[in-house]
Amino acid sequence: MAFQIVDDILDLVATDEQLGKPAGHDLIEGVYTLPVIRAINGGGPGAQRLRELLGHPISDEAMHEARAIVREGSAIRSSLDVARHYISEATAALETIGPSEAATALSAAAEHLLDSLSTIV
């Protein structure tokens, strides 16, 4: 879950070069991820404009506008908080099996996932 949320955040905040693929692709495909849903549910003029932009095929220009709207509000931060929560739960679950190389590697991978966002968000 955390990986998917981070991937969804990156699609909205990273550049094509940072991603190694076109950014904003989910919006163009009509896939409304957690940050987009939170931005829509956040209310206000940005949410209204986002509703107007989405729900049908969109142009590159509309996609860039939609990405900007999502980045302006608290949707990215609150989605990142959800990812952190999932990582915290996963790390706690790993602790129940005791120390092992596998558990340490999985925990480190989860933390690295969050660290990868720190240079972008």
C-alpha atoms as a PDB file:
ATOM      1  CA  MET A   1       0.000   0.000   0.000  1.00  0.00           C
ATOM      2  CA  ALA A   2       2.751   2.448   0.936  1.00  0.00           C
ATOM      3  CA  PHE A   3       4.626   1.762  -2.294  1.00  0.00           C
ATOM      4  CA  GLN A   4       1.511   2.448  -4.353  1.00  0.00           C
ATOM      5  CA  ILE A   5       0.742   5.682  -2.508  1.00  0.00           C
ATOM      6  CA  VAL A   6       4.327   6.884  -2.946  1.00  0.00           C
ATOM      7  CA  ASP A   7       4.148   5.995  -6.639  1.00  0.00           C
ATOM      8  CA  ASP A   8       0.893   7.950  -6.910  1.00  0.00           C
ATOM      9  CA  ILE A   9       2.463  10.962  -5.184  1.00  0.00           C
ATOM     10  CA  LEU A  10       5.490  10.832  -7.466  1.00  0.00           C
ATOM     11  CA  ASP A  11       3.221  10.836 -10.515  1.00  0.00           C
ATOM     12  CA  LEU A  12       1.920  14.199  -9.312  1.00  0.00           C
ATOM     13  CA  VAL A  13       5.062  15.897  -7.999  1.00  0.00           C
ATOM     14  CA  ALA A  14       8.032  14.515  -9.936  1.00  0.00           C
ATOM     15  CA  THR A  15       9.282  15.489 -13.369  1.00  0.00           C
ATOM     16  CA  ASP A  16       9.416  13.143 -16.331  1.00  0.00           C
ATOM     17  CA  GLU A  17      13.170  12.950 -15.847  1.00  0.00           C
ATOM     18  CA  GLN A  18      12.892  12.042 -12.160  1.00  0.00           C
ATOM     19  CA  LEU A  19      10.335   9.338 -12.898  1.00  0.00           C
ATOM     20  CA  GLY A  20      11.929   7.997 -16.041  1.00  0.00           C
ATOM     21  CA  LYS A  21       8.460   8.017 -17.600  1.00  0.00           C
ATOM     22  CA  PRO A  22       5.815  10.652 -18.341  1.00  0.00           C
ATOM     23  CA  ALA A  23       4.502  12.306 -15.171  1.00  0.00           C
ATOM     24  CA  GLY A  24       0.772  12.777 -14.765  1.00  0.00           C
ATOM     25  CA  HIS A  25      -0.015   9.596 -16.657  1.00  0.00           C
ATOM     26  CA  ASP A  26      -2.584   8.441 -14.091  1.00  0.00           C
ATOM     27  CA  LEU A  27      -4.601  11.627 -14.623  1.00  0.00           C
ATOM     28  CA  ILE A  28      -4.544  11.226 -18.387  1.00  0.00           C
ATOM     29  CA  GLU A  29      -5.660   7.607 -18.011  1.00  0.00           C
ATOM     30  CA  GLY A  30      -8.511   8.650 -15.708  1.00  0.00           C
ATOM     31  CA  VAL A  31      -7.030   6.948 -12.642  1.00  0.00           C
ATOM     32  CA  TYR A  32      -7.836   8.995  -9.563  1.00  0.00           C
ATOM     33  CA  THR A  33      -5.395   8.105  -6.839  1.00  0.00           C
ATOM     34  CA  LEU A  34      -5.440   8.881  -3.129  1.00  0.00           C
ATOM     35  CA  PRO A  35      -3.859  12.353  -3.483  1.00  0.00           C
ATOM     36  CA  VAL A  36      -6.323  13.306  -6.236  1.00  0.00           C
ATOM     37  CA  ILE A  37      -9.309  12.029  -4.264  1.00  0.00           C
ATOM     38  CA  ARG A  38      -8.130  13.915  -1.185  1.00  0.00           C
ATOM     39  CA  ALA A  39      -7.695  17.091  -3.232  1.00  0.00           C
ATOM     40  CA  ILE A  40     -11.213  16.747  -4.627  1.00  0.00           C
ATOM     41  CA  ASN A  41     -12.655  16.094  -1.166  1.00  0.00           C
ATOM     42  CA  GLY A  42     -10.674  19.002   0.302  1.00  0.00           C
ATOM     43  CA  GLY A  43     -13.198  21.517  -0.951  1.00  0.00           C
ATOM     44  CA  GLY A  44     -12.592  25.040  -2.119  1.00  0.00           C
ATOM     45  CA  PRO A  45     -12.054  26.517  -5.554  1.00  0.00           C
ATOM     46  CA  GLY A  46      -9.167  24.155  -6.344  1.00  0.00           C
ATOM     47  CA  ALA A  47     -11.338  21.124  -5.673  1.00  0.00           C
ATOM     48  CA  GLN A  48     -14.109  22.517  -7.839  1.00  0.00           C
ATOM     49  CA  ARG A  49     -11.695  23.218 -10.691  1.00  0.00           C
ATOM     50  CA  LEU A  50     -10.239  19.726 -10.335  1.00  0.00           C
ATOM     51  CA  ARG A  51     -13.733  18.254 -10.650  1.00  0.00           C
ATOM     52  CA  GLU A  52     -14.227  20.284 -13.829  1.00  0.00           C
ATOM     53  CA  LEU A  53     -10.947  19.064 -15.307  1.00  0.00           C
ATOM     54  CA  LEU A  54     -11.426  15.383 -14.512  1.00  0.00           C
ATOM     55  CA  GLY A  55     -14.075  12.841 -15.407  1.00  0.00           C
ATOM     56  CA  HIS A  56     -13.375  12.819 -19.133  1.00  0.00           C
ATOM     57  CA  PRO A  57     -10.294  12.573 -21.351  1.00  0.00           C
ATOM     58  CA  ILE A  58      -7.965  15.488 -20.631  1.00  0.00           C
ATOM     59  CA  SER A  59      -5.298  17.312 -22.572  1.00  0.00           C
ATOM     60  CA  ASP A  60      -1.698  17.691 -21.482  1.00  0.00           C
ATOM     61  CA  GLU A  61      -2.476  21.282 -20.496  1.00  0.00           C
ATOM     62  CA  ALA A  62      -5.384  20.178 -18.282  1.00  0.00           C
ATOM     63  CA  MET A  63      -3.226  17.433 -16.785  1.00  0.00           C
ATOM     64  CA  HIS A  64      -0.557  19.988 -15.813  1.00  0.00           C
ATOM     65  CA  GLU A  65      -3.212  22.225 -14.274  1.00  0.00           C
ATOM     66  CA  ALA A  66      -4.691  19.299 -12.337  1.00  0.00           C
ATOM     67  CA  ARG A  67      -1.243  18.301 -11.039  1.00  0.00           C
ATOM     68  CA  ALA A  68      -0.651  21.869  -9.873  1.00  0.00           C
ATOM     69  CA  ILE A  69      -3.980  21.986  -8.058  1.00  0.00           C
ATOM     70  CA  VAL A  70      -3.248  18.752  -6.195  1.00  0.00           C
ATOM     71  CA  ARG A  71       0.244  19.969  -5.248  1.00  0.00           C
ATOM     72  CA  GLU A  72      -1.072  23.292  -3.904  1.00  0.00           C
ATOM     73  CA  GLY A  73      -3.236  21.835  -1.158  1.00  0.00           C
ATOM     74  CA  SER A  74      -2.687  19.366   1.651  1.00  0.00           C
ATOM     75  CA  ALA A  75      -3.503  16.239  -0.383  1.00  0.00           C
ATOM     76  CA  ILE A  76       0.126  15.283  -0.996  1.00  0.00           C
ATOM     77  CA  ARG A  77       1.074  15.712   2.655  1.00  0.00           C
ATOM     78  CA  SER A  78      -1.960  13.812   3.941  1.00  0.00           C
ATOM     79  CA  SER A  79      -1.394  10.998   1.438  1.00  0.00           C
ATOM     80  CA  LEU A  80       2.216  10.767   2.551  1.00  0.00           C
ATOM     81  CA  ASP A  81       0.962  10.484   6.132  1.00  0.00           C
ATOM     82  CA  VAL A  82      -1.150   7.490   5.067  1.00  0.00           C
ATOM     83  CA  ALA A  83       1.916   5.865   3.476  1.00  0.00           C
ATOM     84  CA  ARG A  84       3.873   6.478   6.687  1.00  0.00           C
ATOM     85  CA  HIS A  85       1.070   4.837   8.667  1.00  0.00           C
ATOM     86  CA  TYR A  86       1.189   1.722   6.482  1.00  0.00           C
ATOM     87  CA  ILE A  87       4.969   1.563   6.846  1.00  0.00           C
ATOM     88  CA  SER A  88       4.674   1.920  10.604  1.00  0.00           C
ATOM     89  CA  GLU A  89       2.160  -0.919  10.742  1.00  0.00           C
ATOM     90  CA  ALA A  90       4.335  -3.111   8.536  1.00  0.00           C
ATOM     91  CA  THR A  91       7.418  -2.407  10.624  1.00  0.00           C
ATOM     92  CA  ALA A  92       5.521  -3.274  13.800  1.00  0.00           C
ATOM     93  CA  ALA A  93       4.343  -6.528  12.211  1.00  0.00           C
ATOM     94  CA  LEU A  94       7.946  -7.387  11.320  1.00  0.00           C
ATOM     95  CA  GLU A  95       8.981  -6.894  14.947  1.00  0.00           C
ATOM     96  CA  THR A  96       6.666  -9.706  16.025  1.00  0.00           C
ATOM     97  CA  ILE A  97       8.704 -12.265  14.075  1.00  0.00           C
ATOM     98  CA  GLY A  98      11.940 -11.278  15.767  1.00  0.00           C
ATOM     99  CA  PRO A  99      15.209 -10.028  14.386  1.00  0.00           C
ATOM    100  CA  SER A 100      16.339 -11.446  11.071  1.00  0.00           C
ATOM    101  CA  GLU A 101      18.134 -10.298   7.939  1.00  0.00           C
ATOM    102  CA  ALA A 102      14.877 -10.444   5.993  1.00  0.00           C
ATOM    103  CA  ALA A 103      12.976  -8.324   8.515  1.00  0.00           C
ATOM    104  CA  THR A 104      15.795  -5.785   8.644  1.00  0.00           C
ATOM    105  CA  ALA A 105      15.930  -5.592   4.844  1.00  0.00           C
ATOM    106  CA  LEU A 106      12.168  -5.161   4.522  1.00  0.00           C
ATOM    107  CA  SER A 107      12.128  -2.437   7.163  1.00  0.00           C
ATOM    108  CA  ALA A 108      15.034  -0.651   5.489  1.00  0.00           C
ATOM    109  CA  ALA A 109      13.310  -0.871   2.108  1.00  0.00           C
ATOM    110  CA  ALA A 110      10.205   0.777   3.536  1.00  0.00           C
ATOM    111  CA  GLU A 111      12.229   3.596   5.053  1.00  0.00           C
ATOM    112  CA  HIS A 112      14.138   4.039   1.793  1.00  0.00           C
ATOM    113  CA  LEU A 113      10.821   4.386   0.000  1.00  0.00           C
ATOM    114  CA  LEU A 114       9.952   7.398   2.148  1.00  0.00           C
ATOM    115  CA  ASP A 115      13.460   8.807   1.855  1.00  0.00           C
ATOM    116  CA  SER A 116      13.138   8.736  -1.937  1.00  0.00           C
ATOM    117  CA  LEU A 117      10.405  11.350  -1.642  1.00  0.00           C
ATOM    118  CA  SER A 118      12.388  13.723   0.552  1.00  0.00           C
ATOM    119  CA  THR A 119      14.322  15.146  -2.393  1.00  0.00           C
ATOM    120  CA  ILE A 120      11.155  15.737  -4.406  1.00  0.00           C
ATOM    121  CA  VAL A 121       8.360  16.637  -1.981  1.00  0.00           C
END
